[in-house]
Amino acid sequence: NHLYVMGVLYSQAIKGQGPIDQKIIQMVLDSLDRERTYKDIEINMRGIGKVDVTIYKNPYSSLHEYWMYCPQVFHEAYPGNAGDDFRAVQTLLYRKVVLRFIKDLYQNNQIRGKLLFSTSEVNTTLVIPAVINDEYKDDPIFKDLFVHHYNHTVVPEAIAHYPYYMFEPLRISEEFRTVIHDGIIDLIKLTGSVSNVITFCSTRHTQIGRDTIYREFAHKIKED
């Protein structure tokens, strides 16, 4: 009863698998309950101005399982290569929707108390309130936040990074400027900086993460 999950419905293609039959997308939407729509969310990047995002709930799940749907932005998972700046646009919208939704849940007395964020992969790092200078960064709801990061892969090609020039447009907080190096925004370093604990998929995976990818943050790595 305390676990809320928010995923993304990608509307046009699966990475490396080509277009999705739109009948399947419609079948998925029809199987979910429409929860609410947030209109005119401002992005103003990469040709995306304002967008509407609809949140659906899975009535068959034992969790509070939600899915966001916005074909203009969430057309494909992991578009382009690992450094494609449209991935940053997708994650920024994810942040705006998730944090607004959590605030709505608070105001409706559906959730209370200390929040634990469990983020999956570095591409979700922007959802952590402290990362971006906006209305959520210093919101009292997120004041006492615990962040768990779950890493799925140690393959460099699958670990996203953003081009350095996205730092200001994304409004990433100045205290994280050190994550810029070699022309990129290092999401591994950013994730390690804002996480309280980092976990992996197996004993061997944990070992690789501690010894190589997250070596700088080895003291935060736990095995469960």
Protein backbone atom coordinates (compact mmCIF):
# COMPACT_ATOMS: atom_id res chain seq x y z
CA ASN A 1 0.00 0.00 0.00
CA HIS A 2 3.00 2.30 0.31
CA LEU A 3 4.58 1.56 -3.06
CA TYR A 4 3.82 3.77 -6.05
CA VAL A 5 5.28 3.00 -9.46
CA MET A 6 5.39 5.29 -12.49
CA GLY A 7 6.35 3.98 -15.92
CA VAL A 8 6.25 5.32 -19.46
CA LEU A 9 4.16 4.07 -22.37
CA TYR A 10 6.18 4.45 -25.57
CA SER A 11 3.85 5.00 -28.48
CA GLN A 12 5.68 4.44 -31.76
CA ALA A 13 8.73 2.19 -31.61
CA ILE A 14 10.76 -0.19 -29.51
CA LYS A 15 14.51 0.37 -29.62
CA GLY A 16 16.01 -1.80 -32.35
CA GLN A 17 12.70 -3.57 -33.02
CA GLY A 18 10.98 -1.10 -35.34
CA PRO A 19 7.47 0.42 -35.22
CA ILE A 20 4.81 -0.82 -32.83
CA ASP A 21 1.44 -1.85 -34.25
CA GLN A 22 -0.87 0.96 -33.11
CA LYS A 23 -3.62 -1.60 -32.45
CA ILE A 24 -1.44 -2.93 -29.65
CA ILE A 25 -0.98 0.55 -28.19
CA GLN A 26 -4.72 1.12 -28.24
CA MET A 27 -5.31 -2.28 -26.64
CA VAL A 28 -2.94 -1.31 -23.81
CA LEU A 29 -4.64 2.05 -23.28
CA ASP A 30 -8.07 0.42 -23.27
CA SER A 31 -6.96 -2.02 -20.57
CA LEU A 32 -5.92 0.79 -18.21
CA ASP A 33 -7.97 3.29 -16.21
CA ARG A 34 -7.49 6.91 -17.15
CA GLU A 35 -6.42 8.75 -14.01
CA ARG A 36 -5.86 12.39 -15.07
CA THR A 37 -4.33 14.61 -17.74
CA TYR A 38 -1.83 17.39 -17.12
CA LYS A 39 -2.19 20.00 -19.86
CA ASP A 40 0.33 22.44 -21.30
CA ILE A 41 3.45 21.22 -19.50
CA GLU A 42 6.27 23.45 -20.69
CA ILE A 43 9.36 21.85 -22.21
CA ASN A 44 10.62 24.37 -24.79
CA MET A 45 13.45 22.19 -26.08
CA ARG A 46 14.22 20.30 -29.27
CA GLY A 47 11.11 21.61 -31.00
CA ILE A 48 8.83 20.56 -28.14
CA GLY A 49 6.90 23.51 -26.67
CA LYS A 50 3.99 22.55 -24.42
CA VAL A 51 2.59 19.04 -24.18
CA ASP A 52 -0.30 17.22 -22.55
CA VAL A 53 0.47 14.08 -20.54
CA THR A 54 -2.18 11.55 -19.56
CA ILE A 55 -1.64 9.26 -16.57
CA TYR A 56 -3.24 5.83 -16.55
CA LYS A 57 -3.57 3.34 -13.69
CA ASN A 58 -3.30 -0.41 -14.02
CA PRO A 59 -6.44 -1.81 -12.32
CA TYR A 60 -5.02 -5.34 -12.33
CA SER A 61 -1.87 -4.57 -10.34
CA SER A 62 -1.47 -5.14 -6.61
CA LEU A 63 0.72 -2.02 -6.58
CA HIS A 64 -0.24 1.61 -7.15
CA GLU A 65 0.97 1.22 -10.73
CA TYR A 66 0.75 4.20 -13.08
CA TRP A 67 1.82 4.87 -16.66
CA MET A 68 2.30 8.21 -18.42
CA TYR A 69 1.46 8.67 -22.08
CA CYS A 70 2.64 11.51 -24.33
CA PRO A 71 3.29 10.47 -27.96
CA GLN A 72 5.08 13.71 -28.87
CA VAL A 73 7.87 13.09 -26.37
CA PHE A 74 7.65 9.42 -25.41
CA HIS A 75 7.65 8.03 -28.93
CA GLU A 76 10.54 5.60 -28.40
CA ALA A 77 12.62 4.31 -25.51
CA TYR A 78 16.26 5.42 -25.67
CA PRO A 79 16.06 7.34 -28.98
CA GLY A 80 19.31 7.77 -30.92
CA ASN A 81 22.62 6.86 -29.35
CA ALA A 82 23.71 7.02 -25.69
CA GLY A 83 24.38 10.76 -25.97
CA ASP A 84 21.21 11.81 -27.80
CA ASP A 85 19.95 15.02 -26.19
CA PHE A 86 16.30 14.06 -26.78
CA ARG A 87 16.71 11.53 -23.99
CA ALA A 88 17.20 14.52 -21.68
CA VAL A 89 13.94 16.02 -22.95
CA GLN A 90 12.13 12.78 -22.17
CA THR A 91 13.57 12.61 -18.66
CA LEU A 92 12.78 16.27 -17.97
CA LEU A 93 9.13 15.65 -18.82
CA TYR A 94 9.17 12.51 -16.67
CA ARG A 95 10.40 14.65 -13.77
CA LYS A 96 7.73 17.31 -14.23
CA VAL A 97 4.95 14.72 -14.31
CA VAL A 98 6.16 12.47 -11.48
CA LEU A 99 6.85 15.26 -8.98
CA ARG A 100 3.60 17.04 -9.77
CA PHE A 101 1.74 13.76 -9.33
CA ILE A 102 3.39 13.12 -5.95
CA LYS A 103 2.38 16.61 -4.81
CA ASP A 104 -1.20 15.89 -5.86
CA LEU A 105 -1.16 12.66 -3.87
CA TYR A 106 0.06 14.58 -0.81
CA GLN A 107 -2.61 17.22 -1.17
CA ASN A 108 -5.26 14.48 -1.43
CA ASN A 109 -3.89 12.78 1.72
CA GLN A 110 -3.08 9.63 -0.26
CA ILE A 111 0.55 9.60 0.85
CA ARG A 112 2.25 10.93 3.97
CA GLY A 113 5.60 10.85 5.73
CA LYS A 114 9.14 10.25 4.55
CA LEU A 115 9.59 9.52 0.85
CA LEU A 116 11.94 6.94 -0.61
CA PHE A 117 12.74 7.28 -4.30
CA SER A 118 13.93 4.15 -6.06
CA THR A 119 15.27 5.15 -9.46
CA SER A 120 15.98 2.69 -12.22
CA GLU A 121 18.93 3.49 -14.50
CA VAL A 122 20.81 6.77 -14.79
CA ASN A 123 18.30 8.22 -17.25
CA THR A 124 15.86 8.73 -14.35
CA THR A 125 18.30 10.81 -12.28
CA LEU A 126 16.67 14.12 -13.19
CA VAL A 127 13.57 13.13 -11.23
CA ILE A 128 15.44 13.65 -7.94
CA PRO A 129 14.20 17.07 -6.71
CA ALA A 130 17.65 18.40 -5.72
CA VAL A 131 19.07 17.97 -9.22
CA ILE A 132 17.18 20.76 -11.00
CA ASN A 133 16.45 24.36 -10.05
CA ASP A 134 12.67 24.48 -10.30
CA GLU A 135 9.64 24.63 -8.00
CA TYR A 136 10.32 21.12 -6.66
CA LYS A 137 13.96 21.53 -5.60
CA ASP A 138 13.21 23.10 -2.20
CA ASP A 139 9.64 21.91 -1.74
CA PRO A 140 9.04 20.79 1.88
CA ILE A 141 7.47 17.53 0.67
CA PHE A 142 10.87 16.44 -0.65
CA LYS A 143 12.95 17.84 2.21
CA ASP A 144 13.74 14.53 3.93
CA LEU A 145 14.19 12.32 0.88
CA PHE A 146 16.00 8.97 0.71
CA VAL A 147 17.28 7.98 -2.74
CA HIS A 148 17.96 4.41 -3.81
CA HIS A 149 19.45 3.86 -7.27
CA TYR A 150 19.15 0.50 -8.99
CA ASN A 151 21.58 -0.17 -11.83
CA HIS A 152 20.58 -2.69 -14.48
CA THR A 153 23.60 -2.71 -16.78
CA VAL A 154 27.35 -2.18 -16.78
CA VAL A 155 27.55 -1.98 -20.59
CA PRO A 156 28.82 1.54 -21.41
CA GLU A 157 26.72 1.81 -24.59
CA ALA A 158 23.56 1.37 -22.52
CA ILE A 159 24.43 4.01 -19.93
CA ALA A 160 23.09 7.35 -21.09
CA HIS A 161 24.87 10.68 -20.86
CA TYR A 162 23.80 14.14 -21.99
CA PRO A 163 25.80 16.62 -24.10
CA TYR A 164 27.46 19.31 -21.97
CA TYR A 165 25.36 22.08 -23.55
CA MET A 166 22.19 20.69 -21.95
CA PHE A 167 23.35 21.71 -18.46
CA GLU A 168 21.82 25.22 -18.55
CA PRO A 169 18.68 24.40 -20.60
CA LEU A 170 17.85 21.60 -18.15
CA ARG A 171 18.54 23.98 -15.25
CA ILE A 172 20.71 21.44 -13.48
CA SER A 173 21.74 22.82 -10.08
CA GLU A 174 25.08 24.61 -10.00
CA GLU A 175 26.46 22.39 -7.23
CA PHE A 176 26.56 19.54 -9.75
CA ARG A 177 28.61 21.36 -12.41
CA THR A 178 31.51 19.03 -11.64
CA VAL A 179 29.62 16.23 -13.44
CA ILE A 180 30.54 17.92 -16.74
CA HIS A 181 33.71 16.52 -18.33
CA ASP A 182 34.93 15.50 -21.77
CA GLY A 183 32.00 17.27 -23.42
CA ILE A 184 29.29 15.34 -21.55
CA ILE A 185 27.08 15.51 -18.49
CA ASP A 186 28.14 12.37 -16.64
CA LEU A 187 24.91 10.81 -15.35
CA ILE A 188 26.82 8.12 -13.47
CA LYS A 189 28.55 10.80 -11.43
CA LEU A 190 25.32 12.75 -11.02
CA THR A 191 23.43 9.66 -9.88
CA GLY A 192 26.17 8.68 -7.46
CA SER A 193 26.18 12.20 -5.99
CA VAL A 194 22.44 12.30 -5.20
CA SER A 195 21.90 8.68 -4.15
CA ASN A 196 22.02 7.39 -0.59
CA VAL A 197 22.46 3.79 -1.66
CA ILE A 198 23.18 2.00 -4.97
CA THR A 199 22.37 -1.62 -5.77
CA PHE A 200 22.89 -3.95 -8.72
CA CYS A 201 21.49 -7.22 -10.12
CA SER A 202 23.84 -9.88 -8.77
CA THR A 203 27.03 -10.46 -6.80
CA ARG A 204 29.19 -10.25 -9.93
CA HIS A 205 27.31 -7.21 -11.21
CA THR A 206 27.77 -5.50 -7.85
CA GLN A 207 31.49 -6.26 -7.96
CA ILE A 208 31.88 -4.73 -11.42
CA GLY A 209 29.89 -1.65 -10.40
CA ARG A 210 31.97 -1.12 -7.26
CA ASP A 211 35.32 -1.69 -8.96
CA THR A 212 34.72 0.26 -12.18
CA ILE A 213 31.58 2.26 -12.99
CA TYR A 214 30.68 3.55 -9.51
CA ARG A 215 34.19 3.29 -8.03
CA GLU A 216 34.01 6.91 -6.82
CA PHE A 217 30.87 6.03 -4.84
CA ALA A 218 31.85 2.54 -3.68
CA HIS A 219 30.93 3.44 -0.09
CA LYS A 220 27.27 3.80 -1.19
CA ILE A 221 27.07 0.39 -2.86
CA LYS A 222 25.20 -2.35 -1.01
CA GLU A 223 24.32 -5.88 -2.03
CA ASP A 224 20.81 -7.17 -1.37
